[in-house]
Amino acid sequence: MIDHITLRVSDLEKSKNFYDQVLSVLSLKIVLGKEGQFWGWGADKNPEFEISIPEENDPPHKRVHVAFKAKDKEMVDSFHKTAVEIGGIDNGRPGPRPDYSDTYYAAFVRDLDGNNIEVCIY
């Protein structure tokens, strides 16, 4: 099982603010971090999703796809709305995804570095 995912970002402070707002919609909060180095969000003590500054000569991630599980469709809608309002780019409005399954409902946004962030329920 996966313990956590880390994205390297181009601007740690801007990305921290972006993710702190959108992940709070999913009831995730910062549970670990070091100023100027990395931040990690989780529902409890375990940081399941992290952002960090790139290592030397190692660029930020730009085309990673990360999907977060929502509790209901309203949470998907709220995540998408919040993300777009604070600088995320719409990459798939909230709605059913019948190509995935009969019950799949999701939304997609590009984060500040262009990563494809999905929130779904099925």
PDB file of N, CA and C in Angstrom:
ATOM      1  N   MET A   1       0.832  -1.181   0.000  1.00  0.00           N
ATOM      2  CA  MET A   1       0.000   0.000   0.000  1.00  0.00           C
ATOM      3  C   MET A   1       0.880   1.248   0.000  1.00  0.00           C
ATOM      4  N   ILE A   2       0.422   2.305  -0.591  1.00  0.00           N
ATOM      5  CA  ILE A   2       1.186   3.543  -0.671  1.00  0.00           C
ATOM      6  C   ILE A   2       1.059   4.318   0.637  1.00  0.00           C
ATOM      7  N   ASP A   3       2.176   4.822   1.131  1.00  0.00           N
ATOM      8  CA  ASP A   3       2.172   5.631   2.350  1.00  0.00           C
ATOM      9  C   ASP A   3       1.894   7.096   2.035  1.00  0.00           C
ATOM     10  N   HIS A   4       2.579   7.646   1.011  1.00  0.00           N
ATOM     11  CA  HIS A   4       2.338   9.035   0.626  1.00  0.00           C
ATOM     12  C   HIS A   4       2.841   9.290  -0.793  1.00  0.00           C
ATOM     13  N   ILE A   5       2.365  10.369  -1.367  1.00  0.00           N
ATOM     14  CA  ILE A   5       2.772  10.854  -2.684  1.00  0.00           C
ATOM     15  C   ILE A   5       3.365  12.241  -2.475  1.00  0.00           C
ATOM     16  N   THR A   6       4.479  12.531  -3.144  1.00  0.00           N
ATOM     17  CA  THR A   6       5.088  13.860  -3.062  1.00  0.00           C
ATOM     18  C   THR A   6       5.218  14.461  -4.452  1.00  0.00           C
ATOM     19  N   LEU A   7       4.755  15.687  -4.603  1.00  0.00           N
ATOM     20  CA  LEU A   7       4.954  16.449  -5.833  1.00  0.00           C
ATOM     21  C   LEU A   7       6.008  17.513  -5.581  1.00  0.00           C
ATOM     22  N   ARG A   8       6.950  17.627  -6.505  1.00  0.00           N
ATOM     23  CA  ARG A   8       7.892  18.747  -6.458  1.00  0.00           C
ATOM     24  C   ARG A   8       7.210  19.928  -7.135  1.00  0.00           C
ATOM     25  N   VAL A   9       7.246  21.072  -6.492  1.00  0.00           N
ATOM     26  CA  VAL A   9       6.543  22.258  -6.998  1.00  0.00           C
ATOM     27  C   VAL A   9       7.524  23.406  -7.232  1.00  0.00           C
ATOM     28  N   SER A  10       7.139  24.325  -8.106  1.00  0.00           N
ATOM     29  CA  SER A  10       8.030  25.439  -8.445  1.00  0.00           C
ATOM     30  C   SER A  10       8.027  26.543  -7.390  1.00  0.00           C
ATOM     31  N   ASP A  11       6.918  26.717  -6.692  1.00  0.00           N
ATOM     32  CA  ASP A  11       6.821  27.749  -5.654  1.00  0.00           C
ATOM     33  C   ASP A  11       6.133  27.133  -4.440  1.00  0.00           C
ATOM     34  N   LEU A  12       6.929  26.785  -3.449  1.00  0.00           N
ATOM     35  CA  LEU A  12       6.411  26.058  -2.289  1.00  0.00           C
ATOM     36  C   LEU A  12       5.329  26.835  -1.552  1.00  0.00           C
ATOM     37  N   GLU A  13       5.529  28.122  -1.342  1.00  0.00           N
ATOM     38  CA  GLU A  13       4.560  28.907  -0.569  1.00  0.00           C
ATOM     39  C   GLU A  13       3.230  29.056  -1.309  1.00  0.00           C
ATOM     40  N   LYS A  14       3.280  29.360  -2.605  1.00  0.00           N
ATOM     41  CA  LYS A  14       2.042  29.480  -3.385  1.00  0.00           C
ATOM     42  C   LYS A  14       1.315  28.145  -3.452  1.00  0.00           C
ATOM     43  N   SER A  15       2.071  27.069  -3.661  1.00  0.00           N
ATOM     44  CA  SER A  15       1.448  25.744  -3.727  1.00  0.00           C
ATOM     45  C   SER A  15       0.887  25.332  -2.376  1.00  0.00           C
ATOM     46  N   LYS A  16       1.576  25.687  -1.298  1.00  0.00           N
ATOM     47  CA  LYS A  16       1.060  25.395   0.047  1.00  0.00           C
ATOM     48  C   LYS A  16      -0.295  26.067   0.233  1.00  0.00           C
ATOM     49  N   ASN A  17      -0.398  27.335  -0.127  1.00  0.00           N
ATOM     50  CA  ASN A  17      -1.665  28.055   0.018  1.00  0.00           C
ATOM     51  C   ASN A  17      -2.752  27.442  -0.851  1.00  0.00           C
ATOM     52  N   PHE A  18      -2.411  27.082  -2.091  1.00  0.00           N
ATOM     53  CA  PHE A  18      -3.375  26.455  -2.999  1.00  0.00           C
ATOM     54  C   PHE A  18      -3.883  25.140  -2.407  1.00  0.00           C
ATOM     55  N   TYR A  19      -2.952  24.247  -2.081  1.00  0.00           N
ATOM     56  CA  TYR A  19      -3.360  22.933  -1.588  1.00  0.00           C
ATOM     57  C   TYR A  19      -4.023  23.003  -0.219  1.00  0.00           C
ATOM     58  N   ASP A  20      -3.612  23.920   0.620  1.00  0.00           N
ATOM     59  CA  ASP A  20      -4.245  24.032   1.930  1.00  0.00           C
ATOM     60  C   ASP A  20      -5.729  24.369   1.781  1.00  0.00           C
ATOM     61  N   GLN A  21      -6.044  25.245   0.839  1.00  0.00           N
ATOM     62  CA  GLN A  21      -7.450  25.618   0.626  1.00  0.00           C
ATOM     63  C   GLN A  21      -8.249  24.492  -0.022  1.00  0.00           C
ATOM     64  N   VAL A  22      -7.703  23.876  -1.074  1.00  0.00           N
ATOM     65  CA  VAL A  22      -8.496  22.853  -1.763  1.00  0.00           C
ATOM     66  C   VAL A  22      -8.575  21.556  -0.967  1.00  0.00           C
ATOM     67  N   LEU A  23      -7.515  21.195  -0.274  1.00  0.00           N
ATOM     68  CA  LEU A  23      -7.559  19.950   0.490  1.00  0.00           C
ATOM     69  C   LEU A  23      -8.397  20.074   1.758  1.00  0.00           C
ATOM     70  N   SER A  24      -8.583  21.288   2.248  1.00  0.00           N
ATOM     71  CA  SER A  24      -9.463  21.462   3.407  1.00  0.00           C
ATOM     72  C   SER A  24     -10.900  21.081   3.049  1.00  0.00           C
ATOM     73  N   VAL A  25     -11.271  21.226   1.779  1.00  0.00           N
ATOM     74  CA  VAL A  25     -12.596  20.796   1.318  1.00  0.00           C
ATOM     75  C   VAL A  25     -12.761  19.291   1.534  1.00  0.00           C
ATOM     76  N   LEU A  26     -11.653  18.547   1.453  1.00  0.00           N
ATOM     77  CA  LEU A  26     -11.679  17.094   1.634  1.00  0.00           C
ATOM     78  C   LEU A  26     -11.375  16.694   3.078  1.00  0.00           C
ATOM     79  N   SER A  27     -11.384  17.671   3.977  1.00  0.00           N
ATOM     80  CA  SER A  27     -11.093  17.458   5.407  1.00  0.00           C
ATOM     81  C   SER A  27      -9.656  17.007   5.650  1.00  0.00           C
ATOM     82  N   LEU A  28      -8.738  17.413   4.769  1.00  0.00           N
ATOM     83  CA  LEU A  28      -7.319  17.135   4.962  1.00  0.00           C
ATOM     84  C   LEU A  28      -6.648  18.409   5.462  1.00  0.00           C
ATOM     85  N   LYS A  29      -5.694  18.240   6.368  1.00  0.00           N
ATOM     86  CA  LYS A  29      -5.003  19.399   6.938  1.00  0.00           C
ATOM     87  C   LYS A  29      -3.502  19.128   6.960  1.00  0.00           C
ATOM     88  N   ILE A  30      -2.721  20.195   7.109  1.00  0.00           N
ATOM     89  CA  ILE A  30      -1.272  20.026   7.221  1.00  0.00           C
ATOM     90  C   ILE A  30      -0.977  19.302   8.532  1.00  0.00           C
ATOM     91  N   VAL A  31      -0.277  18.174   8.416  1.00  0.00           N
ATOM     92  CA  VAL A  31       0.062  17.384   9.596  1.00  0.00           C
ATOM     93  C   VAL A  31       1.575  17.252   9.782  1.00  0.00           C
ATOM     94  N   LEU A  32       2.330  17.688   8.778  1.00  0.00           N
ATOM     95  CA  LEU A  32       3.781  17.596   8.850  1.00  0.00           C
ATOM     96  C   LEU A  32       4.369  18.617   7.893  1.00  0.00           C
ATOM     97  N   GLY A  33       5.513  19.148   8.224  1.00  0.00           N
ATOM     98  CA  GLY A  33       6.153  20.071   7.302  1.00  0.00           C
ATOM     99  C   GLY A  33       7.346  20.761   7.906  1.00  0.00           C
ATOM    100  N   LYS A  34       8.096  21.385   7.020  1.00  0.00           N
ATOM    101  CA  LYS A  34       9.249  22.171   7.429  1.00  0.00           C
ATOM    102  C   LYS A  34       9.306  23.374   6.508  1.00  0.00           C
ATOM    103  N   GLU A  35       9.206  24.556   7.098  1.00  0.00           N
ATOM    104  CA  GLU A  35       9.194  25.808   6.337  1.00  0.00           C
ATOM    105  C   GLU A  35      10.327  25.822   5.312  1.00  0.00           C
ATOM    106  N   GLY A  36       9.974  26.117   4.057  1.00  0.00           N
ATOM    107  CA  GLY A  36      10.963  26.199   2.996  1.00  0.00           C
ATOM    108  C   GLY A  36      11.417  24.868   2.433  1.00  0.00           C
ATOM    109  N   GLN A  37      10.889  23.755   2.946  1.00  0.00           N
ATOM    110  CA  GLN A  37      11.311  22.423   2.495  1.00  0.00           C
ATOM    111  C   GLN A  37      10.156  21.591   1.927  1.00  0.00           C
ATOM    112  N   PHE A  38       9.134  21.347   2.759  1.00  0.00           N
ATOM    113  CA  PHE A  38       8.013  20.511   2.328  1.00  0.00           C
ATOM    114  C   PHE A  38       6.816  20.719   3.247  1.00  0.00           C
ATOM    115  N   TRP A  39       5.639  20.290   2.751  1.00  0.00           N
ATOM    116  CA  TRP A  39       4.399  20.288   3.539  1.00  0.00           C
ATOM    117  C   TRP A  39       3.642  19.012   3.223  1.00  0.00           C
ATOM    118  N   GLY A  40       3.007  18.433   4.245  1.00  0.00           N
ATOM    119  CA  GLY A  40       2.239  17.210   4.052  1.00  0.00           C
ATOM    120  C   GLY A  40       0.861  17.302   4.671  1.00  0.00           C
ATOM    121  N   TRP A  41      -0.149  16.821   3.926  1.00  0.00           N
ATOM    122  CA  TRP A  41      -1.545  16.849   4.372  1.00  0.00           C
ATOM    123  C   TRP A  41      -2.037  15.437   4.631  1.00  0.00           C
ATOM    124  N   GLY A  42      -2.909  15.329   5.621  1.00  0.00           N
ATOM    125  CA  GLY A  42      -3.541  14.057   5.915  1.00  0.00           C
ATOM    126  C   GLY A  42      -4.790  14.266   6.747  1.00  0.00           C
ATOM    127  N   ALA A  43      -5.515  13.183   6.954  1.00  0.00           N
ATOM    128  CA  ALA A  43      -6.719  13.232   7.776  1.00  0.00           C
ATOM    129  C   ALA A  43      -6.366  13.051   9.253  1.00  0.00           C
ATOM    130  N   ASP A  44      -5.214  12.440   9.506  1.00  0.00           N
ATOM    131  CA  ASP A  44      -4.747  12.252  10.879  1.00  0.00           C
ATOM    132  C   ASP A  44      -3.265  12.612  10.929  1.00  0.00           C
ATOM    133  N   LYS A  45      -2.448  11.869  11.633  1.00  0.00           N
ATOM    134  CA  LYS A  45      -1.026  12.197  11.765  1.00  0.00           C
ATOM    135  C   LYS A  45      -0.209  11.852  10.521  1.00  0.00           C
ATOM    136  N   ASN A  46      -0.723  10.991   9.668  1.00  0.00           N
ATOM    137  CA  ASN A  46       0.023  10.533   8.498  1.00  0.00           C
ATOM    138  C   ASN A  46      -0.160  11.482   7.315  1.00  0.00           C
ATOM    139  N   PRO A  47       0.928  12.085   6.809  1.00  0.00           N
ATOM    140  CA  PRO A  47       0.805  12.936   5.625  1.00  0.00           C
ATOM    141  C   PRO A  47       0.708  12.066   4.369  1.00  0.00           C
ATOM    142  N   GLU A  48      -0.476  11.968   3.811  1.00  0.00           N
ATOM    143  CA  GLU A  48      -0.703  11.120   2.643  1.00  0.00           C
ATOM    144  C   GLU A  48      -0.313  11.809   1.344  1.00  0.00           C
ATOM    145  N   PHE A  49      -0.328  13.141   1.349  1.00  0.00           N
ATOM    146  CA  PHE A  49       0.018  13.921   0.167  1.00  0.00           C
ATOM    147  C   PHE A  49       0.978  15.018   0.584  1.00  0.00           C
ATOM    148  N   GLU A  50       2.091  15.138  -0.140  1.00  0.00           N
ATOM    149  CA  GLU A  50       3.100  16.132   0.207  1.00  0.00           C
ATOM    150  C   GLU A  50       3.514  16.938  -1.017  1.00  0.00           C
ATOM    151  N   ILE A  51       3.978  18.154  -0.761  1.00  0.00           N
ATOM    152  CA  ILE A  51       4.637  18.960  -1.787  1.00  0.00           C
ATOM    153  C   ILE A  51       6.014  19.322  -1.249  1.00  0.00           C
ATOM    154  N   SER A  52       6.972  19.456  -2.156  1.00  0.00           N
ATOM    155  CA  SER A  52       8.322  19.804  -1.724  1.00  0.00           C
ATOM    156  C   SER A  52       9.001  20.651  -2.783  1.00  0.00           C
ATOM    157  N   ILE A  53      10.102  21.284  -2.368  1.00  0.00           N
ATOM    158  CA  ILE A  53      10.910  22.011  -3.339  1.00  0.00           C
ATOM    159  C   ILE A  53      11.727  20.982  -4.116  1.00  0.00           C
ATOM    160  N   PRO A  54      12.053  21.280  -5.368  1.00  0.00           N
ATOM    161  CA  PRO A  54      12.851  20.342  -6.159  1.00  0.00           C
ATOM    162  C   PRO A  54      14.278  20.224  -5.630  1.00  0.00           C
ATOM    163  N   GLU A  55      14.841  19.048  -5.817  1.00  0.00           N
ATOM    164  CA  GLU A  55      16.264  18.870  -5.551  1.00  0.00           C
ATOM    165  C   GLU A  55      17.039  19.657  -6.602  1.00  0.00           C
ATOM    166  N   GLU A  56      18.301  19.918  -6.356  1.00  0.00           N
ATOM    167  CA  GLU A  56      19.132  20.631  -7.326  1.00  0.00           C
ATOM    168  C   GLU A  56      19.128  19.875  -8.654  1.00  0.00           C
ATOM    169  N   ASN A  57      18.975  20.587  -9.746  1.00  0.00           N
ATOM    170  CA  ASN A  57      18.938  20.029 -11.106  1.00  0.00           C
ATOM    171  C   ASN A  57      17.776  19.065 -11.323  1.00  0.00           C
ATOM    172  N   ASP A  58      16.747  19.161 -10.521  1.00  0.00           N
ATOM    173  CA  ASP A  58      15.590  18.278 -10.626  1.00  0.00           C
ATOM    174  C   ASP A  58      14.350  19.160 -10.721  1.00  0.00           C
ATOM    175  N   PRO A  59      13.744  19.273 -11.896  1.00  0.00           N
ATOM    176  CA  PRO A  59      12.645  20.228 -12.076  1.00  0.00           C
ATOM    177  C   PRO A  59      11.380  19.833 -11.317  1.00  0.00           C
ATOM    178  N   PRO A  60      10.473  20.797 -11.142  1.00  0.00           N
ATOM    179  CA  PRO A  60       9.180  20.479 -10.526  1.00  0.00           C
ATOM    180  C   PRO A  60       8.398  19.505 -11.406  1.00  0.00           C
ATOM    181  N   HIS A  61       7.510  18.750 -10.791  1.00  0.00           N
ATOM    182  CA  HIS A  61       6.608  17.893 -11.563  1.00  0.00           C
ATOM    183  C   HIS A  61       5.612  18.772 -12.302  1.00  0.00           C
ATOM    184  N   LYS A  62       5.245  18.362 -13.506  1.00  0.00           N
ATOM    185  CA  LYS A  62       4.318  19.159 -14.302  1.00  0.00           C
ATOM    186  C   LYS A  62       3.159  18.343 -14.870  1.00  0.00           C
ATOM    187  N   ARG A  63       3.274  17.068 -14.989  1.00  0.00           N
ATOM    188  CA  ARG A  63       2.232  16.274 -15.644  1.00  0.00           C
ATOM    189  C   ARG A  63       1.841  15.036 -14.846  1.00  0.00           C
ATOM    190  N   VAL A  64       1.876  15.155 -13.533  1.00  0.00           N
ATOM    191  CA  VAL A  64       1.471  14.046 -12.675  1.00  0.00           C
ATOM    192  C   VAL A  64      -0.044  14.087 -12.504  1.00  0.00           C
ATOM    193  N   HIS A  65      -0.652  12.916 -12.422  1.00  0.00           N
ATOM    194  CA  HIS A  65      -2.094  12.809 -12.163  1.00  0.00           C
ATOM    195  C   HIS A  65      -2.260  12.206 -10.772  1.00  0.00           C
ATOM    196  N   VAL A  66      -2.886  12.962  -9.883  1.00  0.00           N
ATOM    197  CA  VAL A  66      -3.175  12.499  -8.525  1.00  0.00           C
ATOM    198  C   VAL A  66      -4.679  12.579  -8.326  1.00  0.00           C
ATOM    199  N   ALA A  67      -5.274  11.506  -7.796  1.00  0.00           N
ATOM    200  CA  ALA A  67      -6.724  11.484  -7.553  1.00  0.00           C
ATOM    201  C   ALA A  67      -6.992  11.344  -6.055  1.00  0.00           C
ATOM    202  N   PHE A  68      -7.878  12.190  -5.556  1.00  0.00           N
ATOM    203  CA  PHE A  68      -8.309  12.151  -4.164  1.00  0.00           C
ATOM    204  C   PHE A  68      -9.737  11.633  -4.107  1.00  0.00           C
ATOM    205  N   LYS A  69     -10.036  10.854  -3.087  1.00  0.00           N
ATOM    206  CA  LYS A  69     -11.371  10.298  -2.890  1.00  0.00           C
ATOM    207  C   LYS A  69     -12.241  11.301  -2.126  1.00  0.00           C
ATOM    208  N   ALA A  70     -13.433  11.550  -2.652  1.00  0.00           N
ATOM    209  CA  ALA A  70     -14.403  12.426  -1.986  1.00  0.00           C
ATOM    210  C   ALA A  70     -15.427  11.578  -1.235  1.00  0.00           C
ATOM    211  N   LYS A  71     -16.129  12.208  -0.300  1.00  0.00           N
ATOM    212  CA  LYS A  71     -17.186  11.514   0.443  1.00  0.00           C
ATOM    213  C   LYS A  71     -18.522  11.555  -0.282  1.00  0.00           C
ATOM    214  N   ASP A  72     -18.711  12.589  -1.118  1.00  0.00           N
ATOM    215  CA  ASP A  72     -19.965  12.725  -1.852  1.00  0.00           C
ATOM    216  C   ASP A  72     -19.754  13.654  -3.049  1.00  0.00           C
ATOM    217  N   LYS A  73     -20.771  13.754  -3.892  1.00  0.00           N
ATOM    218  CA  LYS A  73     -20.685  14.589  -5.093  1.00  0.00           C
ATOM    219  C   LYS A  73     -20.509  16.062  -4.749  1.00  0.00           C
ATOM    220  N   GLU A  74     -21.125  16.496  -3.665  1.00  0.00           N
ATOM    221  CA  GLU A  74     -21.005  17.891  -3.259  1.00  0.00           C
ATOM    222  C   GLU A  74     -19.555  18.247  -2.937  1.00  0.00           C
ATOM    223  N   MET A  75     -18.830  17.299  -2.376  1.00  0.00           N
ATOM    224  CA  MET A  75     -17.424  17.525  -2.069  1.00  0.00           C
ATOM    225  C   MET A  75     -16.610  17.668  -3.361  1.00  0.00           C
ATOM    226  N   VAL A  76     -16.938  16.858  -4.363  1.00  0.00           N
ATOM    227  CA  VAL A  76     -16.287  16.967  -5.678  1.00  0.00           C
ATOM    228  C   VAL A  76     -16.546  18.354  -6.257  1.00  0.00           C
ATOM    229  N   ASP A  77     -17.812  18.762  -6.240  1.00  0.00           N
ATOM    230  CA  ASP A  77     -18.192  20.074  -6.784  1.00  0.00           C
ATOM    231  C   ASP A  77     -17.470  21.210  -6.053  1.00  0.00           C
ATOM    232  N   SER A  78     -17.429  21.134  -4.738  1.00  0.00           N
ATOM    233  CA  SER A  78     -16.813  22.182  -3.930  1.00  0.00           C
ATOM    234  C   SER A  78     -15.305  22.253  -4.161  1.00  0.00           C
ATOM    235  N   PHE A  79     -14.662  21.099  -4.265  1.00  0.00           N
ATOM    236  CA  PHE A  79     -13.227  21.067  -4.542  1.00  0.00           C
ATOM    237  C   PHE A  79     -12.929  21.777  -5.860  1.00  0.00           C
ATOM    238  N   HIS A  80     -13.666  21.421  -6.900  1.00  0.00           N
ATOM    239  CA  HIS A  80     -13.442  22.014  -8.223  1.00  0.00           C
ATOM    240  C   HIS A  80     -13.664  23.523  -8.182  1.00  0.00           C
ATOM    241  N   LYS A  81     -14.761  23.943  -7.583  1.00  0.00           N
ATOM    242  CA  LYS A  81     -15.086  25.374  -7.498  1.00  0.00           C
ATOM    243  C   LYS A  81     -13.986  26.134  -6.761  1.00  0.00           C
ATOM    244  N   THR A  82     -13.566  25.613  -5.626  1.00  0.00           N
ATOM    245  CA  THR A  82     -12.518  26.261  -4.838  1.00  0.00           C
ATOM    246  C   THR A  82     -11.212  26.334  -5.615  1.00  0.00           C
ATOM    247  N   ALA A  83     -10.822  25.229  -6.227  1.00  0.00           N
ATOM    248  CA  ALA A  83      -9.553  25.187  -6.965  1.00  0.00           C
ATOM    249  C   ALA A  83      -9.522  26.205  -8.094  1.00  0.00           C
ATOM    250  N   VAL A  84     -10.605  26.296  -8.857  1.00  0.00           N
ATOM    251  CA  VAL A  84     -10.656  27.237  -9.983  1.00  0.00           C
ATOM    252  C   VAL A  84     -10.653  28.680  -9.477  1.00  0.00           C
ATOM    253  N   GLU A  85     -11.339  28.929  -8.380  1.00  0.00           N
ATOM    254  CA  GLU A  85     -11.386  30.290  -7.813  1.00  0.00           C
ATOM    255  C   GLU A  85     -10.020  30.788  -7.344  1.00  0.00           C
ATOM    256  N   ILE A  86      -9.132  29.875  -6.963  1.00  0.00           N
ATOM    257  CA  ILE A  86      -7.832  30.303  -6.422  1.00  0.00           C
ATOM    258  C   ILE A  86      -6.671  30.045  -7.379  1.00  0.00           C
ATOM    259  N   GLY A  87      -6.961  29.839  -8.646  1.00  0.00           N
ATOM    260  CA  GLY A  87      -5.880  29.768  -9.623  1.00  0.00           C
ATOM    261  C   GLY A  87      -5.679  28.450 -10.320  1.00  0.00           C
ATOM    262  N   GLY A  88      -6.410  27.413  -9.915  1.00  0.00           N
ATOM    263  CA  GLY A  88      -6.344  26.157 -10.651  1.00  0.00           C
ATOM    264  C   GLY A  88      -7.049  26.314 -11.991  1.00  0.00           C
ATOM    265  N   ILE A  89      -6.689  25.483 -12.948  1.00  0.00           N
ATOM    266  CA  ILE A  89      -7.291  25.548 -14.280  1.00  0.00           C
ATOM    267  C   ILE A  89      -8.219  24.353 -14.466  1.00  0.00           C
ATOM    268  N   ASP A  90      -9.451  24.640 -14.859  1.00  0.00           N
ATOM    269  CA  ASP A  90     -10.428  23.578 -15.110  1.00  0.00           C
ATOM    270  C   ASP A  90      -9.866  22.602 -16.139  1.00  0.00           C
ATOM    271  N   ASN A  91      -9.896  21.318 -15.792  1.00  0.00           N
ATOM    272  CA  ASN A  91      -9.451  20.273 -16.711  1.00  0.00           C
ATOM    273  C   ASN A  91     -10.504  19.175 -16.812  1.00  0.00           C
ATOM    274  N   GLY A  92     -11.730  19.503 -16.424  1.00  0.00           N
ATOM    275  CA  GLY A  92     -12.836  18.556 -16.455  1.00  0.00           C
ATOM    276  C   GLY A  92     -13.831  18.898 -15.376  1.00  0.00           C
ATOM    277  N   ARG A  93     -14.915  19.542 -15.772  1.00  0.00           N
ATOM    278  CA  ARG A  93     -15.931  19.984 -14.816  1.00  0.00           C
ATOM    279  C   ARG A  93     -16.513  18.794 -14.052  1.00  0.00           C
ATOM    280  N   PRO A  94     -17.061  19.047 -12.869  1.00  0.00           N
ATOM    281  CA  PRO A  94     -17.669  17.961 -12.104  1.00  0.00           C
ATOM    282  C   PRO A  94     -18.802  17.298 -12.883  1.00  0.00           C
ATOM    283  N   GLY A  95     -18.830  15.983 -12.817  1.00  0.00           N
ATOM    284  CA  GLY A  95     -19.908  15.262 -13.471  1.00  0.00           C
ATOM    285  C   GLY A  95     -19.627  13.778 -13.564  1.00  0.00           C
ATOM    286  N   PRO A  96     -20.614  13.031 -14.065  1.00  0.00           N
ATOM    287  CA  PRO A  96     -20.452  11.590 -14.233  1.00  0.00           C
ATOM    288  C   PRO A  96     -19.366  11.292 -15.263  1.00  0.00           C
ATOM    289  N   ARG A  97     -18.698  10.180 -15.082  1.00  0.00           N
ATOM    290  CA  ARG A  97     -17.694   9.701 -16.033  1.00  0.00           C
ATOM    291  C   ARG A  97     -18.072   8.268 -16.410  1.00  0.00           C
ATOM    292  N   PRO A  98     -19.094   8.114 -17.280  1.00  0.00           N
ATOM    293  CA  PRO A  98     -19.580   6.778 -17.621  1.00  0.00           C
ATOM    294  C   PRO A  98     -18.538   5.908 -18.320  1.00  0.00           C
ATOM    295  N   ASP A  99     -17.517   6.529 -18.916  1.00  0.00           N
ATOM    296  CA  ASP A  99     -16.452   5.729 -19.522  1.00  0.00           C
ATOM    297  C   ASP A  99     -15.628   5.000 -18.464  1.00  0.00           C
ATOM    298  N   TYR A 100     -15.637   5.513 -17.227  1.00  0.00           N
ATOM    299  CA  TYR A 100     -14.893   4.884 -16.136  1.00  0.00           C
ATOM    300  C   TYR A 100     -15.741   3.810 -15.457  1.00  0.00           C
ATOM    301  N   SER A 101     -16.973   4.187 -15.086  1.00  0.00           N
ATOM    302  CA  SER A 101     -17.942   3.242 -14.518  1.00  0.00           C
ATOM    303  C   SER A 101     -19.291   3.942 -14.431  1.00  0.00           C
ATOM    304  N   ASP A 102     -20.325   3.172 -14.175  1.00  0.00           N
ATOM    305  CA  ASP A 102     -21.676   3.735 -14.098  1.00  0.00           C
ATOM    306  C   ASP A 102     -21.855   4.685 -12.917  1.00  0.00           C
ATOM    307  N   THR A 103     -21.037   4.544 -11.884  1.00  0.00           N
ATOM    308  CA  THR A 103     -21.210   5.351 -10.678  1.00  0.00           C
ATOM    309  C   THR A 103     -20.096   6.380 -10.462  1.00  0.00           C
ATOM    310  N   TYR A 104     -19.151   6.474 -11.397  1.00  0.00           N
ATOM    311  CA  TYR A 104     -17.991   7.366 -11.234  1.00  0.00           C
ATOM    312  C   TYR A 104     -18.402   8.815 -11.454  1.00  0.00           C
ATOM    313  N   TYR A 105     -18.084   9.669 -10.495  1.00  0.00           N
ATOM    314  CA  TYR A 105     -18.359  11.105 -10.553  1.00  0.00           C
ATOM    315  C   TYR A 105     -17.061  11.803 -10.168  1.00  0.00           C
ATOM    316  N   ALA A 106     -16.590  12.730 -11.011  1.00  0.00           N
ATOM    317  CA  ALA A 106     -15.273  13.322 -10.765  1.00  0.00           C
ATOM    318  C   ALA A 106     -15.167  14.727 -11.328  1.00  0.00           C
ATOM    319  N   ALA A 107     -14.119  15.406 -10.911  1.00  0.00           N
ATOM    320  CA  ALA A 107     -13.731  16.707 -11.457  1.00  0.00           C
ATOM    321  C   ALA A 107     -12.210  16.732 -11.521  1.00  0.00           C
ATOM    322  N   PHE A 108     -11.692  17.522 -12.458  1.00  0.00           N
ATOM    323  CA  PHE A 108     -10.252  17.616 -12.668  1.00  0.00           C
ATOM    324  C   PHE A 108      -9.833  19.079 -12.750  1.00  0.00           C
ATOM    325  N   VAL A 109      -8.707  19.398 -12.139  1.00  0.00           N
ATOM    326  CA  VAL A 109      -8.109  20.732 -12.267  1.00  0.00           C
ATOM    327  C   VAL A 109      -6.603  20.573 -12.448  1.00  0.00           C
ATOM    328  N   ARG A 110      -6.020  21.539 -13.132  1.00  0.00           N
ATOM    329  CA  ARG A 110      -4.559  21.633 -13.204  1.00  0.00           C
ATOM    330  C   ARG A 110      -4.124  22.524 -12.049  1.00  0.00           C
ATOM    331  N   ASP A 111      -3.132  22.058 -11.287  1.00  0.00           N
ATOM    332  CA  ASP A 111      -2.634  22.882 -10.184  1.00  0.00           C
ATOM    333  C   ASP A 111      -1.723  23.979 -10.724  1.00  0.00           C
ATOM    334  N   LEU A 112      -1.049  24.693  -9.863  1.00  0.00           N
ATOM    335  CA  LEU A 112      -0.227  25.836 -10.259  1.00  0.00           C
ATOM    336  C   LEU A 112       0.969  25.446 -11.120  1.00  0.00           C
ATOM    337  N   ASP A 113       1.349  24.163 -11.099  1.00  0.00           N
ATOM    338  CA  ASP A 113       2.451  23.672 -11.928  1.00  0.00           C
ATOM    339  C   ASP A 113       1.976  22.843 -13.114  1.00  0.00           C
ATOM    340  N   GLY A 114       0.675  22.694 -13.281  1.00  0.00           N
ATOM    341  CA  GLY A 114       0.140  21.946 -14.414  1.00  0.00           C
ATOM    342  C   GLY A 114      -0.172  20.490 -14.141  1.00  0.00           C
ATOM    343  N   ASN A 115      -0.038  20.044 -12.897  1.00  0.00           N
ATOM    344  CA  ASN A 115      -0.398  18.664 -12.564  1.00  0.00           C
ATOM    345  C   ASN A 115      -1.910  18.497 -12.602  1.00  0.00           C
ATOM    346  N   ASN A 116      -2.360  17.321 -13.010  1.00  0.00           N
ATOM    347  CA  ASN A 116      -3.781  17.021 -13.130  1.00  0.00           C
ATOM    348  C   ASN A 116      -4.284  16.458 -11.800  1.00  0.00           C
ATOM    349  N   ILE A 117      -5.060  17.246 -11.083  1.00  0.00           N
ATOM    350  CA  ILE A 117      -5.566  16.843  -9.775  1.00  0.00           C
ATOM    351  C   ILE A 117      -7.046  16.493  -9.917  1.00  0.00           C
ATOM    352  N   GLU A 118      -7.368  15.275  -9.551  1.00  0.00           N
ATOM    353  CA  GLU A 118      -8.735  14.752  -9.669  1.00  0.00           C
ATOM    354  C   GLU A 118      -9.326  14.542  -8.284  1.00  0.00           C
ATOM    355  N   VAL A 119     -10.621  14.748  -8.179  1.00  0.00           N
ATOM    356  CA  VAL A 119     -11.379  14.364  -6.993  1.00  0.00           C
ATOM    357  C   VAL A 119     -12.541  13.530  -7.496  1.00  0.00           C
ATOM    358  N   CYS A 120     -12.759  12.371  -6.865  1.00  0.00           N
ATOM    359  CA  CYS A 120     -13.756  11.446  -7.402  1.00  0.00           C
ATOM    360  C   CYS A 120     -14.506  10.713  -6.295  1.00  0.00           C
ATOM    361  N   ILE A 121     -15.638  10.176  -6.700  1.00  0.00           N
ATOM    362  CA  ILE A 121     -16.415   9.266  -5.861  1.00  0.00           C
ATOM    363  C   ILE A 121     -17.040   8.244  -6.797  1.00  0.00           C
ATOM    364  N   TYR A 122     -17.111   6.998  -6.347  1.00  0.00           N
ATOM    365  CA  TYR A 122     -17.725   5.937  -7.166  1.00  0.00           C
ATOM    366  C   TYR A 122     -18.173   4.790  -6.300  1.00  0.00           C
TER     367      TYR A 122
END
